[in-house]
Structure formats: C-alpha cells, structure tokens
C-alpha cells in the first residue's frame, strides 16, 4: 500500500501488521498512530488492506484524488 501526506505530498510505502500500520520514510520505519493518519491519504491499496485498516480503526484515512488501486480493482468513495 502507498500513502501520501496531505501536508507535504511525501509518498510512503506502508504495510499492515497485526493491529498496527507500519510506514517507511527512506530506510526508517515507524508505526503510524491513528491520530497521525488523518494527515495521509491512500493512493494505492488492495481491498483487503482497506478492510484491515477499518478493522484496526484507521477510519480517518481518505482516498487520494489520483488513487492507483492495486489488483484486484477497488472502487472507494470519498463521502
């Protein structure tokens, strides 16, 4: 999955581990907090990754304008 910071446009690769979201900034990784997540939008993810984010209460994420869905195709809404 890939996330984009809405403040500075930085794109970060990320992955889900049990109960948490890990993102990388260069070679350093960090756990993204649920409150910190409001500053990011998802620009690439699978349906299962999105479902896991919701399950772990990362509901404040939004889909990026130029979302590039991973296979299989997903069709999110920004309501």
PDB file of N, CA and C in Angstrom:
ATOM      1  N   UNK A   1       0.850  -1.155   0.000  1.00  0.00           N
ATOM      2  CA  UNK A   1       0.000   0.000   0.000  1.00  0.00           C
ATOM      3  C   UNK A   1       0.899   1.222   0.000  1.00  0.00           C
ATOM      4  N   UNK A   2       0.371   2.334  -0.498  1.00  0.00           N
ATOM      5  CA  UNK A   2       1.108   3.600  -0.503  1.00  0.00           C
ATOM      6  C   UNK A   2       0.221   4.697   0.061  1.00  0.00           C
ATOM      7  N   UNK A   3       0.834   5.561   0.852  1.00  0.00           N
ATOM      8  CA  UNK A   3       0.149   6.682   1.482  1.00  0.00           C
ATOM      9  C   UNK A   3       0.805   7.976   1.044  1.00  0.00           C
ATOM     10  N   UNK A   4       0.029   9.041   0.945  1.00  0.00           N
ATOM     11  CA  UNK A   4       0.573  10.355   0.600  1.00  0.00           C
ATOM     12  C   UNK A   4       0.199  11.334   1.699  1.00  0.00           C
ATOM     13  N   UNK A   5       1.206  12.074   2.177  1.00  0.00           N
ATOM     14  CA  UNK A   5       0.960  13.085   3.195  1.00  0.00           C
ATOM     15  C   UNK A   5       0.231  14.262   2.550  1.00  0.00           C
ATOM     16  N   UNK A   6      -0.864  14.689   3.153  1.00  0.00           N
ATOM     17  CA  UNK A   6      -1.647  15.802   2.601  1.00  0.00           C
ATOM     18  C   UNK A   6      -0.989  17.141   2.888  1.00  0.00           C
ATOM     19  N   UNK A   7      -0.008  17.186   3.778  1.00  0.00           N
ATOM     20  CA  UNK A   7       0.663  18.446   4.095  1.00  0.00           C
ATOM     21  C   UNK A   7       1.820  18.743   3.146  1.00  0.00           C
ATOM     22  N   UNK A   8       2.666  17.739   2.880  1.00  0.00           N
ATOM     23  CA  UNK A   8       3.853  17.994   2.061  1.00  0.00           C
ATOM     24  C   UNK A   8       3.960  17.126   0.810  1.00  0.00           C
ATOM     25  N   UNK A   9       2.996  16.215   0.589  1.00  0.00           N
ATOM     26  CA  UNK A   9       2.989  15.394  -0.617  1.00  0.00           C
ATOM     27  C   UNK A   9       3.922  14.197  -0.585  1.00  0.00           C
ATOM     28  N   UNK A  10       4.587  13.946   0.526  1.00  0.00           N
ATOM     29  CA  UNK A  10       5.502  12.826   0.642  1.00  0.00           C
ATOM     30  C   UNK A  10       4.742  11.506   0.509  1.00  0.00           C
ATOM     31  N   UNK A  11       5.241  10.626  -0.343  1.00  0.00           N
ATOM     32  CA  UNK A  11       4.621   9.310  -0.547  1.00  0.00           C
ATOM     33  C   UNK A  11       5.407   8.280   0.250  1.00  0.00           C
ATOM     34  N   UNK A  12       4.685   7.501   1.053  1.00  0.00           N
ATOM     35  CA  UNK A  12       5.305   6.499   1.914  1.00  0.00           C
ATOM     36  C   UNK A  12       4.745   5.117   1.612  1.00  0.00           C
ATOM     37  N   UNK A  13       5.613   4.119   1.434  1.00  0.00           N
ATOM     38  CA  UNK A  13       5.112   2.742   1.391  1.00  0.00           C
ATOM     39  C   UNK A  13       4.720   2.327   2.807  1.00  0.00           C
ATOM     40  N   UNK A  14       3.735   1.460   2.901  1.00  0.00           N
ATOM     41  CA  UNK A  14       3.264   1.027   4.220  1.00  0.00           C
ATOM     42  C   UNK A  14       2.766  -0.407   4.140  1.00  0.00           C
ATOM     43  N   UNK A  15       2.689  -1.047   5.302  1.00  0.00           N
ATOM     44  CA  UNK A  15       2.111  -2.385   5.376  1.00  0.00           C
ATOM     45  C   UNK A  15       1.434  -2.543   6.727  1.00  0.00           C
ATOM     46  N   UNK A  16       0.490  -3.443   6.760  1.00  0.00           N
ATOM     47  CA  UNK A  16      -0.233  -3.732   7.990  1.00  0.00           C
ATOM     48  C   UNK A  16       0.401  -4.914   8.699  1.00  0.00           C
ATOM     49  N   UNK A  17       0.570  -4.757   9.989  1.00  0.00           N
ATOM     50  CA  UNK A  17       0.959  -5.850  10.857  1.00  0.00           C
ATOM     51  C   UNK A  17      -0.185  -6.013  11.839  1.00  0.00           C
ATOM     52  N   UNK A  18      -0.272  -7.105  12.548  1.00  0.00           N
ATOM     53  CA  UNK A  18      -1.412  -7.297  13.449  1.00  0.00           C
ATOM     54  C   UNK A  18      -1.647  -6.101  14.384  1.00  0.00           C
ATOM     55  N   UNK A  19      -2.732  -5.395  14.142  1.00  0.00           N
ATOM     56  CA  UNK A  19      -3.142  -4.286  14.998  1.00  0.00           C
ATOM     57  C   UNK A  19      -2.459  -2.960  14.775  1.00  0.00           C
ATOM     58  N   UNK A  20      -1.564  -2.862  13.804  1.00  0.00           N
ATOM     59  CA  UNK A  20      -0.871  -1.587  13.586  1.00  0.00           C
ATOM     60  C   UNK A  20      -0.459  -1.402  12.135  1.00  0.00           C
ATOM     61  N   UNK A  21      -0.177  -0.152  11.794  1.00  0.00           N
ATOM     62  CA  UNK A  21       0.234   0.220  10.445  1.00  0.00           C
ATOM     63  C   UNK A  21       1.682   0.695  10.513  1.00  0.00           C
ATOM     64  N   UNK A  22       2.542   0.094   9.695  1.00  0.00           N
ATOM     65  CA  UNK A  22       3.952   0.449   9.646  1.00  0.00           C
ATOM     66  C   UNK A  22       4.214   1.146   8.309  1.00  0.00           C
ATOM     67  N   UNK A  23       4.847   2.318   8.365  1.00  0.00           N
ATOM     68  CA  UNK A  23       5.195   3.073   7.159  1.00  0.00           C
ATOM     69  C   UNK A  23       6.708   3.294   7.133  1.00  0.00           C
ATOM     70  N   UNK A  24       7.254   3.567   5.947  1.00  0.00           N
ATOM     71  CA  UNK A  24       8.681   3.792   5.781  1.00  0.00           C
ATOM     72  C   UNK A  24       8.938   5.180   5.232  1.00  0.00           C
ATOM     73  N   UNK A  25       9.918   5.826   5.819  1.00  0.00           N
ATOM     74  CA  UNK A  25      10.425   7.096   5.313  1.00  0.00           C
ATOM     75  C   UNK A  25      11.902   6.855   5.033  1.00  0.00           C
ATOM     76  N   UNK A  26      12.213   6.513   3.802  1.00  0.00           N
ATOM     77  CA  UNK A  26      13.572   6.093   3.476  1.00  0.00           C
ATOM     78  C   UNK A  26      13.808   4.700   4.012  1.00  0.00           C
ATOM     79  N   UNK A  27      14.877   4.530   4.790  1.00  0.00           N
ATOM     80  CA  UNK A  27      15.175   3.220   5.366  1.00  0.00           C
ATOM     81  C   UNK A  27      14.619   3.072   6.767  1.00  0.00           C
ATOM     82  N   UNK A  28      14.054   4.121   7.320  1.00  0.00           N
ATOM     83  CA  UNK A  28      13.494   4.068   8.667  1.00  0.00           C
ATOM     84  C   UNK A  28      12.011   3.763   8.623  1.00  0.00           C
ATOM     85  N   UNK A  29      11.582   2.869   9.497  1.00  0.00           N
ATOM     86  CA  UNK A  29      10.157   2.562   9.589  1.00  0.00           C
ATOM     87  C   UNK A  29       9.614   3.121  10.896  1.00  0.00           C
ATOM     88  N   UNK A  30       8.310   3.355  10.918  1.00  0.00           N
ATOM     89  CA  UNK A  30       7.661   3.843  12.130  1.00  0.00           C
ATOM     90  C   UNK A  30       6.219   3.380  12.146  1.00  0.00           C
ATOM     91  N   UNK A  31       5.672   3.257  13.351  1.00  0.00           N
ATOM     92  CA  UNK A  31       4.269   2.906  13.483  1.00  0.00           C
ATOM     93  C   UNK A  31       3.454   4.179  13.364  1.00  0.00           C
ATOM     94  N   UNK A  32       2.495   4.180  12.454  1.00  0.00           N
ATOM     95  CA  UNK A  32       1.653   5.346  12.269  1.00  0.00           C
ATOM     96  C   UNK A  32       0.504   5.293  13.263  1.00  0.00           C
ATOM     97  N   UNK A  33       0.381   6.322  14.052  1.00  0.00           N
ATOM     98  CA  UNK A  33      -0.706   6.412  15.006  1.00  0.00           C
ATOM     99  C   UNK A  33      -2.032   6.719  14.337  1.00  0.00           C
ATOM    100  N   UNK A  34      -3.103   6.377  14.991  1.00  0.00           N
ATOM    101  CA  UNK A  34      -4.427   6.601  14.421  1.00  0.00           C
ATOM    102  C   UNK A  34      -4.737   8.093  14.249  1.00  0.00           C
ATOM    103  N   UNK A  35      -4.256   8.933  15.156  1.00  0.00           N
ATOM    104  CA  UNK A  35      -4.470  10.376  15.013  1.00  0.00           C
ATOM    105  C   UNK A  35      -3.589  10.964  13.922  1.00  0.00           C
ATOM    106  N   UNK A  36      -2.379  10.465  13.793  1.00  0.00           N
ATOM    107  CA  UNK A  36      -1.453  10.927  12.760  1.00  0.00           C
ATOM    108  C   UNK A  36      -1.981  10.598  11.362  1.00  0.00           C
ATOM    109  N   UNK A  37      -2.743   9.517  11.249  1.00  0.00           N
ATOM    110  CA  UNK A  37      -3.242   9.046   9.957  1.00  0.00           C
ATOM    111  C   UNK A  37      -4.138  10.068   9.267  1.00  0.00           C
ATOM    112  N   UNK A  38      -4.717  10.996  10.020  1.00  0.00           N
ATOM    113  CA  UNK A  38      -5.612  11.972   9.384  1.00  0.00           C
ATOM    114  C   UNK A  38      -4.874  12.896   8.422  1.00  0.00           C
ATOM    115  N   UNK A  39      -3.557  12.923   8.490  1.00  0.00           N
ATOM    116  CA  UNK A  39      -2.768  13.758   7.595  1.00  0.00           C
ATOM    117  C   UNK A  39      -2.353  13.028   6.322  1.00  0.00           C
ATOM    118  N   UNK A  40      -2.812  11.791   6.149  1.00  0.00           N
ATOM    119  CA  UNK A  40      -2.438  10.973   4.998  1.00  0.00           C
ATOM    120  C   UNK A  40      -3.668  10.525   4.225  1.00  0.00           C
ATOM    121  N   UNK A  41      -3.444  10.252   2.949  1.00  0.00           N
ATOM    122  CA  UNK A  41      -4.488   9.654   2.128  1.00  0.00           C
ATOM    123  C   UNK A  41      -3.913   8.437   1.437  1.00  0.00           C
ATOM    124  N   UNK A  42      -4.773   7.497   1.151  1.00  0.00           N
ATOM    125  CA  UNK A  42      -4.353   6.262   0.494  1.00  0.00           C
ATOM    126  C   UNK A  42      -4.311   6.499  -1.006  1.00  0.00           C
ATOM    127  N   UNK A  43      -3.174   6.188  -1.615  1.00  0.00           N
ATOM    128  CA  UNK A  43      -3.093   6.325  -3.071  1.00  0.00           C
ATOM    129  C   UNK A  43      -2.935   4.977  -3.760  1.00  0.00           C
ATOM    130  N   UNK A  44      -2.670   3.910  -2.992  1.00  0.00           N
ATOM    131  CA  UNK A  44      -2.613   2.558  -3.560  1.00  0.00           C
ATOM    132  C   UNK A  44      -2.886   1.562  -2.448  1.00  0.00           C
ATOM    133  N   UNK A  45      -3.839   0.672  -2.678  1.00  0.00           N
ATOM    134  CA  UNK A  45      -4.180  -0.348  -1.683  1.00  0.00           C
ATOM    135  C   UNK A  45      -5.058  -1.418  -2.324  1.00  0.00           C
ATOM    136  N   UNK A  46      -5.056  -2.586  -1.715  1.00  0.00           N
ATOM    137  CA  UNK A  46      -5.979  -3.634  -2.141  1.00  0.00           C
ATOM    138  C   UNK A  46      -7.230  -3.550  -1.272  1.00  0.00           C
ATOM    139  N   UNK A  47      -8.251  -4.238  -1.692  1.00  0.00           N
ATOM    140  CA  UNK A  47      -9.487  -4.271  -0.911  1.00  0.00           C
ATOM    141  C   UNK A  47      -9.226  -4.830   0.486  1.00  0.00           C
ATOM    142  N   UNK A  48      -8.434  -5.885   0.582  1.00  0.00           N
ATOM    143  CA  UNK A  48      -8.167  -6.480   1.897  1.00  0.00           C
ATOM    144  C   UNK A  48      -7.366  -5.530   2.795  1.00  0.00           C
ATOM    145  N   UNK A  49      -6.445  -4.755   2.227  1.00  0.00           N
ATOM    146  CA  UNK A  49      -5.703  -3.777   3.033  1.00  0.00           C
ATOM    147  C   UNK A  49      -6.641  -2.709   3.576  1.00  0.00           C
ATOM    148  N   UNK A  50      -7.560  -2.240   2.719  1.00  0.00           N
ATOM    149  CA  UNK A  50      -8.523  -1.230   3.175  1.00  0.00           C
ATOM    150  C   UNK A  50      -9.389  -1.797   4.304  1.00  0.00           C
ATOM    151  N   UNK A  51      -9.855  -3.021   4.148  1.00  0.00           N
ATOM    152  CA  UNK A  51     -10.691  -3.640   5.180  1.00  0.00           C
ATOM    153  C   UNK A  51      -9.931  -3.803   6.495  1.00  0.00           C
ATOM    154  N   UNK A  52      -8.659  -4.141   6.417  1.00  0.00           N
ATOM    155  CA  UNK A  52      -7.851  -4.267   7.636  1.00  0.00           C
ATOM    156  C   UNK A  52      -7.668  -2.909   8.314  1.00  0.00           C
ATOM    157  N   UNK A  53      -7.466  -1.855   7.542  1.00  0.00           N
ATOM    158  CA  UNK A  53      -7.342  -0.512   8.127  1.00  0.00           C
ATOM    159  C   UNK A  53      -8.602  -0.148   8.904  1.00  0.00           C
ATOM    160  N   UNK A  54      -9.744  -0.445   8.323  1.00  0.00           N
ATOM    161  CA  UNK A  54     -11.013  -0.159   9.006  1.00  0.00           C
ATOM    162  C   UNK A  54     -11.124  -1.002  10.276  1.00  0.00           C
ATOM    163  N   UNK A  55     -10.751  -2.257  10.174  1.00  0.00           N
ATOM    164  CA  UNK A  55     -10.818  -3.148  11.334  1.00  0.00           C
ATOM    165  C   UNK A  55      -9.922  -2.679  12.476  1.00  0.00           C
ATOM    166  N   UNK A  56      -8.784  -2.066  12.143  1.00  0.00           N
ATOM    167  CA  UNK A  56      -7.858  -1.555  13.156  1.00  0.00           C
ATOM    168  C   UNK A  56      -8.166  -0.110  13.545  1.00  0.00           C
ATOM    169  N   UNK A  57      -9.320   0.394  13.137  1.00  0.00           N
ATOM    170  CA  UNK A  57      -9.793   1.745  13.495  1.00  0.00           C
ATOM    171  C   UNK A  57      -8.976   2.882  12.885  1.00  0.00           C
ATOM    172  N   UNK A  58      -8.422   2.676  11.705  1.00  0.00           N
ATOM    173  CA  UNK A  58      -7.765   3.748  10.961  1.00  0.00           C
ATOM    174  C   UNK A  58      -8.784   4.354   9.999  1.00  0.00           C
ATOM    175  N   UNK A  59      -9.948   4.702  10.482  1.00  0.00           N
ATOM    176  CA  UNK A  59     -11.047   5.159   9.625  1.00  0.00           C
ATOM    177  C   UNK A  59     -10.885   6.584   9.117  1.00  0.00           C
ATOM    178  N   UNK A  60      -9.919   7.303   9.618  1.00  0.00           N
ATOM    179  CA  UNK A  60      -9.766   8.687   9.191  1.00  0.00           C
ATOM    180  C   UNK A  60      -8.996   8.816   7.886  1.00  0.00           C
ATOM    181  N   UNK A  61      -8.502   7.697   7.365  1.00  0.00           N
ATOM    182  CA  UNK A  61      -7.863   7.753   6.057  1.00  0.00           C
ATOM    183  C   UNK A  61      -8.888   8.107   4.997  1.00  0.00           C
ATOM    184  N   UNK A  62      -8.454   8.769   3.965  1.00  0.00           N
ATOM    185  CA  UNK A  62      -9.315   9.044   2.819  1.00  0.00           C
ATOM    186  C   UNK A  62      -8.573   8.605   1.570  1.00  0.00           C
ATOM    187  N   UNK A  63      -9.303   8.441   0.508  1.00  0.00           N
ATOM    188  CA  UNK A  63      -8.699   8.032  -0.756  1.00  0.00           C
ATOM    189  C   UNK A  63      -8.118   9.250  -1.447  1.00  0.00           C
ATOM    190  N   UNK A  64      -6.919   9.095  -1.998  1.00  0.00           N
ATOM    191  CA  UNK A  64      -6.278  10.166  -2.736  1.00  0.00           C
ATOM    192  C   UNK A  64      -6.992  10.424  -4.051  1.00  0.00           C
ATOM    193  N   UNK A  65      -6.890  11.636  -4.541  1.00  0.00           N
ATOM    194  CA  UNK A  65      -7.540  12.030  -5.786  1.00  0.00           C
ATOM    195  C   UNK A  65      -7.061  11.170  -6.947  1.00  0.00           C
ATOM    196  N   UNK A  66      -5.787  10.862  -6.963  1.00  0.00           N
ATOM    197  CA  UNK A  66      -5.220  10.079  -8.056  1.00  0.00           C
ATOM    198  C   UNK A  66      -4.919   8.647  -7.611  1.00  0.00           C
ATOM    199  N   UNK A  67      -5.860   8.045  -6.902  1.00  0.00           N
ATOM    200  CA  UNK A  67      -5.723   6.682  -6.399  1.00  0.00           C
ATOM    201  C   UNK A  67      -5.372   5.716  -7.514  1.00  0.00           C
ATOM    202  N   UNK A  68      -4.389   4.880  -7.263  1.00  0.00           N
ATOM    203  CA  UNK A  68      -3.988   3.829  -8.187  1.00  0.00           C
ATOM    204  C   UNK A  68      -4.279   2.491  -7.510  1.00  0.00           C
ATOM    205  N   UNK A  69      -5.475   1.949  -7.714  1.00  0.00           N
ATOM    206  CA  UNK A  69      -5.826   0.719  -6.997  1.00  0.00           C
ATOM    207  C   UNK A  69      -4.954  -0.458  -7.412  1.00  0.00           C
ATOM    208  N   UNK A  70      -4.538  -1.243  -6.435  1.00  0.00           N
ATOM    209  CA  UNK A  70      -3.807  -2.478  -6.704  1.00  0.00           C
ATOM    210  C   UNK A  70      -4.805  -3.534  -7.151  1.00  0.00           C
ATOM    211  N   UNK A  71      -4.337  -4.585  -7.755  1.00  0.00           N
ATOM    212  CA  UNK A  71      -5.219  -5.672  -8.158  1.00  0.00           C
ATOM    213  C   UNK A  71      -5.629  -6.460  -6.933  1.00  0.00           C
ATOM    214  N   UNK A  72      -6.829  -6.913  -6.770  1.00  0.00           N
ATOM    215  CA  UNK A  72      -7.974  -6.659  -7.628  1.00  0.00           C
ATOM    216  C   UNK A  72      -8.491  -5.226  -7.479  1.00  0.00           C
ATOM    217  N   UNK A  73      -9.159  -4.753  -8.511  1.00  0.00           N
ATOM    218  CA  UNK A  73      -9.624  -3.378  -8.535  1.00  0.00           C
ATOM    219  C   UNK A  73     -10.582  -3.090  -7.391  1.00  0.00           C
ATOM    220  N   UNK A  74     -10.470  -1.874  -6.825  1.00  0.00           N
ATOM    221  CA  UNK A  74     -11.363  -1.432  -5.772  1.00  0.00           C
ATOM    222  C   UNK A  74     -11.922  -0.078  -6.168  1.00  0.00           C
ATOM    223  N   UNK A  75     -13.119   0.230  -5.713  1.00  0.00           N
ATOM    224  CA  UNK A  75     -13.772   1.465  -6.100  1.00  0.00           C
ATOM    225  C   UNK A  75     -14.275   2.186  -4.856  1.00  0.00           C
ATOM    226  N   UNK A  76     -13.369   2.892  -4.163  1.00  0.00           N
ATOM    227  CA  UNK A  76     -13.764   3.586  -2.929  1.00  0.00           C
ATOM    228  C   UNK A  76     -14.534   4.870  -3.208  1.00  0.00           C
ATOM    229  N   UNK A  77     -15.128   5.399  -2.163  1.00  0.00           N
ATOM    230  CA  UNK A  77     -15.802   6.691  -2.267  1.00  0.00           C
ATOM    231  C   UNK A  77     -15.221   7.621  -1.231  1.00  0.00           C
ATOM    232  N   UNK A  78     -15.253   8.888  -1.490  1.00  0.00           N
ATOM    233  CA  UNK A  78     -14.806   9.918  -0.557  1.00  0.00           C
ATOM    234  C   UNK A  78     -15.999  10.708  -0.094  1.00  0.00           C
ATOM    235  N   UNK A  79     -16.873  10.111   0.673  1.00  0.00           N
ATOM    236  CA  UNK A  79     -18.058  10.829   1.110  1.00  0.00           C
ATOM    237  C   UNK A  79     -17.865  11.426   2.477  1.00  0.00           C
TER     238      UNK A  79
END
